[in-house]
């Protein structure tokens, strides 16, 4: 049974010296506990939709799922916030994967140093993919216009996967990293090749987000927000093009600008 992703609250809206009480829709935030091979692994705080994609994408981002054959089964009770995933590999040891509570804004609460370690063993992205600057701005506009939860609540992040000018996937979540994991999960489940795709993202580009994109093998990341210095350092080393502040009529090209075709 699908769980609603929004709920209605009463709110007092003030404009100047006038106040009215109206109903308003807000995004729902729920904890979801993920069990891996019958062992509790982590609790994610997320929007309650597309939990299969979220769970699979999270495990891909952590390097636990690497091949389609690694995933044996997945069972979800969305109304209870419980997910069971069965894989062919062992559960990470506590030493290498401490159970932690993942917040919506701060990732795992770990310092960026750990995301640098996460990036070890990920091959640099090589791809002949190029994109026009004008297309980048159009993709950014489309992301905002088609993010239905954001349009309704103003409380979610979004990520979209493009092939050429075609949008293949779009997911939203209260957590920016969750939105990217949902893209990763669906692409993994469908067996998509990602080295000729680009990702459009509503949030800021941190090292955590960059590692996810690198692990997917996506060569171009377009963000409506700003990048961090560590994310850009990692992007340079990993061969990933980062475009930030892509909104309105402007954009900033930070790394590997050879993939961007200027007017």
Protein backbone atom coordinates (compact mmCIF):
# COMPACT_ATOMS: atom_id res chain seq x y z
CA UNK A 1 0.00 0.00 0.00
CA UNK A 2 1.40 3.37 -1.05
CA UNK A 3 2.05 5.84 1.75
CA UNK A 4 1.11 9.50 1.03
CA UNK A 5 4.13 11.74 0.52
CA UNK A 6 2.36 14.87 1.78
CA UNK A 7 0.01 15.75 4.61
CA UNK A 8 -2.25 18.71 5.33
CA UNK A 9 -1.75 21.18 8.17
CA UNK A 10 -3.45 24.40 9.23
CA UNK A 11 -1.24 27.46 8.86
CA UNK A 12 -1.66 31.17 9.56
CA UNK A 13 -0.46 33.11 6.52
CA UNK A 14 0.51 36.71 7.08
CA UNK A 15 0.78 39.25 4.25
CA UNK A 16 1.49 42.76 5.45
CA UNK A 17 -1.05 43.44 8.20
CA UNK A 18 -3.48 40.74 7.00
CA UNK A 19 -3.65 37.21 8.40
CA UNK A 20 -5.71 34.26 7.16
CA UNK A 21 -5.89 30.64 8.37
CA UNK A 22 -5.72 28.11 5.54
CA UNK A 23 -4.91 24.47 4.84
CA UNK A 24 -1.43 23.84 3.48
CA UNK A 25 0.37 20.74 2.20
CA UNK A 26 3.73 19.81 3.68
CA UNK A 27 6.16 17.05 2.76
CA UNK A 28 6.10 13.97 4.99
CA UNK A 29 9.30 12.83 6.69
CA UNK A 30 9.54 9.22 7.86
CA UNK A 31 12.23 6.91 9.29
CA UNK A 32 12.78 3.72 7.30
CA UNK A 33 14.90 0.90 8.73
CA UNK A 34 16.89 -1.21 6.29
CA UNK A 35 17.74 -4.82 7.13
CA UNK A 36 20.47 -6.51 5.12
CA UNK A 37 20.40 -10.31 5.17
CA UNK A 38 18.22 -10.14 8.32
CA UNK A 39 20.62 -7.84 10.17
CA UNK A 40 19.66 -4.24 10.92
CA UNK A 41 21.96 -2.01 8.89
CA UNK A 42 20.74 1.59 9.00
CA UNK A 43 17.76 3.88 9.49
CA UNK A 44 17.15 6.35 6.69
CA UNK A 45 15.10 9.52 7.09
CA UNK A 46 13.30 10.10 3.84
CA UNK A 47 10.14 10.74 1.87
CA UNK A 48 7.96 7.62 1.95
CA UNK A 49 7.85 7.05 -1.84
CA UNK A 50 10.01 4.88 -4.12
CA UNK A 51 11.50 2.94 -1.21
CA UNK A 52 12.74 0.10 -3.42
CA UNK A 53 14.83 2.52 -5.47
CA UNK A 54 16.06 4.24 -2.30
CA UNK A 55 17.16 1.01 -0.60
CA UNK A 56 18.89 -0.39 -3.66
CA UNK A 57 20.51 2.94 -4.52
CA UNK A 58 21.79 3.36 -0.98
CA UNK A 59 23.38 -0.09 -1.04
CA UNK A 60 24.90 0.69 -4.45
CA UNK A 61 26.28 3.99 -3.12
CA UNK A 62 27.86 2.11 -0.21
CA UNK A 63 29.47 -0.37 -2.60
CA UNK A 64 27.48 -3.27 -1.12
CA UNK A 65 25.66 -3.91 -4.41
CA UNK A 66 27.97 -3.82 -7.43
CA UNK A 67 26.42 -6.29 -9.90
CA UNK A 68 22.79 -7.12 -10.58
CA UNK A 69 23.43 -10.67 -9.42
CA UNK A 70 24.40 -9.33 -5.97
CA UNK A 71 20.71 -8.56 -5.30
CA UNK A 72 18.69 -11.66 -4.49
CA UNK A 73 15.43 -10.26 -3.06
CA UNK A 74 13.81 -7.19 -1.55
CA UNK A 75 10.68 -6.95 0.61
CA UNK A 76 9.12 -3.70 1.78
CA UNK A 77 6.44 -2.80 4.33
CA UNK A 78 6.05 0.92 3.53
CA UNK A 79 3.35 1.55 6.13
CA UNK A 80 5.71 0.24 8.84
CA UNK A 81 8.88 1.80 7.45
CA UNK A 82 10.70 -1.52 7.10
CA UNK A 83 12.81 -2.87 4.22
CA UNK A 84 14.49 -6.26 3.98
CA UNK A 85 17.16 -6.82 1.34
CA UNK A 86 18.82 -10.16 0.66
CA UNK A 87 22.16 -10.13 -1.12
CA UNK A 88 24.65 -12.75 -2.18
CA UNK A 89 27.44 -11.04 -0.21
CA UNK A 90 28.00 -10.73 3.53
CA UNK A 91 26.77 -7.89 5.71
CA UNK A 92 29.54 -5.30 6.30
CA UNK A 93 31.20 -5.70 9.66
CA UNK A 94 30.44 -3.16 12.34
CA UNK A 95 34.05 -2.03 12.13
CA UNK A 96 33.58 -0.97 8.51
CA UNK A 97 29.96 0.11 8.62
CA UNK A 98 28.76 1.54 11.91
CA UNK A 99 25.01 1.71 12.25
CA UNK A 100 24.14 5.38 12.08
CA UNK A 101 21.17 7.64 11.83
CA UNK A 102 21.12 9.44 8.50
CA UNK A 103 19.70 12.95 8.68
CA UNK A 104 18.02 14.76 5.82
CA UNK A 105 20.55 17.57 5.57
CA UNK A 106 23.89 16.31 6.83
CA UNK A 107 24.26 12.93 5.17
CA UNK A 108 25.70 10.46 7.62
CA UNK A 109 26.98 13.02 10.04
CA UNK A 110 30.50 12.00 9.06
CA UNK A 111 33.28 14.38 8.12
CA UNK A 112 34.26 14.76 4.47
CA UNK A 113 37.41 12.74 5.16
CA UNK A 114 35.32 9.58 5.14
CA UNK A 115 33.87 10.36 1.74
CA UNK A 116 37.38 10.66 0.37
CA UNK A 117 37.98 7.15 1.67
CA UNK A 118 34.68 6.06 0.11
CA UNK A 119 36.02 7.20 -3.27
CA UNK A 120 39.05 4.92 -3.12
CA UNK A 121 38.77 2.11 -5.61
CA UNK A 122 36.34 4.00 -7.88
CA UNK A 123 37.75 4.30 -11.39
CA UNK A 124 37.88 7.75 -13.00
CA UNK A 125 35.00 8.40 -15.40
CA UNK A 126 35.94 8.40 -19.09
CA UNK A 127 33.25 9.47 -21.54
CA UNK A 128 33.06 11.41 -24.84
CA UNK A 129 29.70 12.87 -23.76
CA UNK A 130 29.23 16.60 -24.44
CA UNK A 131 26.27 18.90 -23.82
CA UNK A 132 25.32 22.38 -24.97
CA UNK A 133 25.19 25.13 -22.36
CA UNK A 134 21.69 26.04 -23.54
CA UNK A 135 20.51 22.46 -23.01
CA UNK A 136 21.89 22.53 -19.46
CA UNK A 137 19.72 25.52 -18.58
CA UNK A 138 16.70 23.86 -20.18
CA UNK A 139 17.27 20.67 -18.16
CA UNK A 140 17.50 22.75 -14.97
CA UNK A 141 14.21 24.49 -15.79
CA UNK A 142 12.55 21.15 -16.52
CA UNK A 143 13.74 19.73 -13.21
CA UNK A 144 12.12 22.54 -11.26
CA UNK A 145 8.92 22.53 -13.32
CA UNK A 146 8.44 18.75 -13.09
CA UNK A 147 9.27 18.33 -9.40
CA UNK A 148 5.64 17.92 -8.35
CA UNK A 149 6.31 17.47 -4.62
CA UNK A 150 8.45 20.58 -4.56
CA UNK A 151 5.83 22.57 -6.44
CA UNK A 152 3.24 21.48 -3.86
CA UNK A 153 5.28 21.77 -0.67
CA UNK A 154 8.54 23.60 -1.37
CA UNK A 155 10.16 21.01 0.90
CA UNK A 156 11.93 18.47 -1.32
CA UNK A 157 15.04 18.00 -3.45
CA UNK A 158 14.99 16.41 -6.88
CA UNK A 159 17.29 14.59 -9.28
CA UNK A 160 16.79 13.65 -12.93
CA UNK A 161 18.68 11.41 -15.33
CA UNK A 162 19.01 12.47 -18.97
CA UNK A 163 20.09 10.70 -22.13
CA UNK A 164 20.63 13.29 -24.82
CA UNK A 165 17.60 15.56 -24.53
CA UNK A 166 15.35 12.80 -23.12
CA UNK A 167 14.56 12.69 -19.41
CA UNK A 168 14.64 9.05 -18.32
CA UNK A 169 14.08 9.33 -14.56
CA UNK A 170 13.05 11.94 -12.00
CA UNK A 171 12.82 11.38 -8.25
CA UNK A 172 12.18 13.64 -5.28
CA UNK A 173 12.91 13.32 -1.58
CA UNK A 174 13.26 15.50 1.50
CA UNK A 175 16.93 14.41 1.52
CA UNK A 176 19.09 15.49 -1.41
CA UNK A 177 21.28 12.39 -1.14
CA UNK A 178 18.15 10.21 -1.11
CA UNK A 179 16.97 11.71 -4.42
CA UNK A 180 20.29 10.73 -6.02
CA UNK A 181 20.16 7.25 -4.47
CA UNK A 182 16.70 6.72 -5.98
CA UNK A 183 18.15 7.45 -9.42
CA UNK A 184 21.02 5.04 -8.71
CA UNK A 185 18.63 2.34 -7.50
CA UNK A 186 16.31 2.43 -10.52
CA UNK A 187 19.23 2.54 -12.95
CA UNK A 188 20.79 -0.48 -11.19
CA UNK A 189 17.53 -2.44 -11.22
CA UNK A 190 16.98 -1.70 -14.92
CA UNK A 191 20.58 -2.44 -15.89
CA UNK A 192 21.17 1.02 -17.39
CA UNK A 193 24.53 2.04 -18.81
CA UNK A 194 25.29 5.42 -17.25
CA UNK A 195 28.54 6.57 -18.86
CA UNK A 196 26.58 8.33 -21.62
CA UNK A 197 24.06 9.96 -19.25
CA UNK A 198 24.02 13.16 -17.23
CA UNK A 199 22.49 13.94 -13.85
CA UNK A 200 20.58 17.12 -13.03
CA UNK A 201 20.29 17.91 -9.35
CA UNK A 202 18.47 20.54 -7.30
CA UNK A 203 20.85 20.80 -4.33
CA UNK A 204 24.42 21.69 -3.51
CA UNK A 205 27.23 19.38 -4.58
CA UNK A 206 29.07 18.01 -1.56
CA UNK A 207 31.74 15.30 -1.52
CA UNK A 208 29.04 12.79 -0.58
CA UNK A 209 27.01 13.58 -3.69
CA UNK A 210 30.13 13.53 -5.85
CA UNK A 211 31.06 10.03 -4.63
CA UNK A 212 27.59 8.77 -5.54
CA UNK A 213 27.88 10.22 -9.04
CA UNK A 214 31.38 8.78 -9.45
CA UNK A 215 30.24 5.35 -8.34
CA UNK A 216 27.45 5.52 -10.92
CA UNK A 217 30.00 6.40 -13.59
CA UNK A 218 28.06 9.50 -14.72
CA UNK A 219 30.37 11.99 -16.49
CA UNK A 220 28.35 15.23 -16.14
CA UNK A 221 26.67 16.58 -13.00
CA UNK A 222 24.47 19.67 -13.34
CA UNK A 223 23.35 21.32 -10.11
CA UNK A 224 21.10 24.26 -9.35
CA UNK A 225 23.15 24.82 -6.17
CA UNK A 226 26.79 25.37 -5.29
CA UNK A 227 29.65 22.86 -5.00
CA UNK A 228 32.12 22.51 -2.13
CA UNK A 229 35.86 22.70 -2.59
CA UNK A 230 36.40 19.04 -1.69
CA UNK A 231 33.71 17.93 -4.16
CA UNK A 232 35.48 19.89 -6.91
CA UNK A 233 38.87 18.44 -5.99
CA UNK A 234 37.42 14.95 -6.21
CA UNK A 235 35.57 15.75 -9.46
CA UNK A 236 38.81 16.91 -11.09
CA UNK A 237 40.57 13.69 -10.11
CA UNK A 238 37.64 11.46 -11.11
CA UNK A 239 37.01 13.02 -14.53
CA UNK A 240 33.58 14.39 -13.70
CA UNK A 241 32.24 17.63 -15.16
CA UNK A 242 30.55 19.75 -12.48
CA UNK A 243 28.24 22.59 -13.46
CA UNK A 244 26.74 24.64 -10.63
CA UNK A 245 24.26 27.50 -10.21
CA UNK A 246 22.50 26.31 -13.39
CA UNK A 247 19.35 28.38 -13.20
CA UNK A 248 17.78 31.25 -15.08
CA UNK A 249 20.21 32.29 -17.80
CA UNK A 250 23.46 31.52 -15.98
CA UNK A 251 25.69 28.62 -15.00
CA UNK A 252 29.18 28.06 -13.63
CA UNK A 253 31.50 25.42 -15.13
CA UNK A 254 33.86 24.17 -12.41
CA UNK A 255 35.61 21.04 -13.68
CA UNK A 256 36.28 19.30 -17.00
CA UNK A 257 34.71 22.07 -19.06
CA UNK A 258 35.72 20.35 -22.29
CA UNK A 259 32.37 18.53 -22.18
CA UNK A 260 30.38 21.79 -22.31
CA UNK A 261 29.66 23.30 -25.74
CA UNK A 262 29.41 27.06 -25.40
CA UNK A 263 27.32 29.30 -27.69
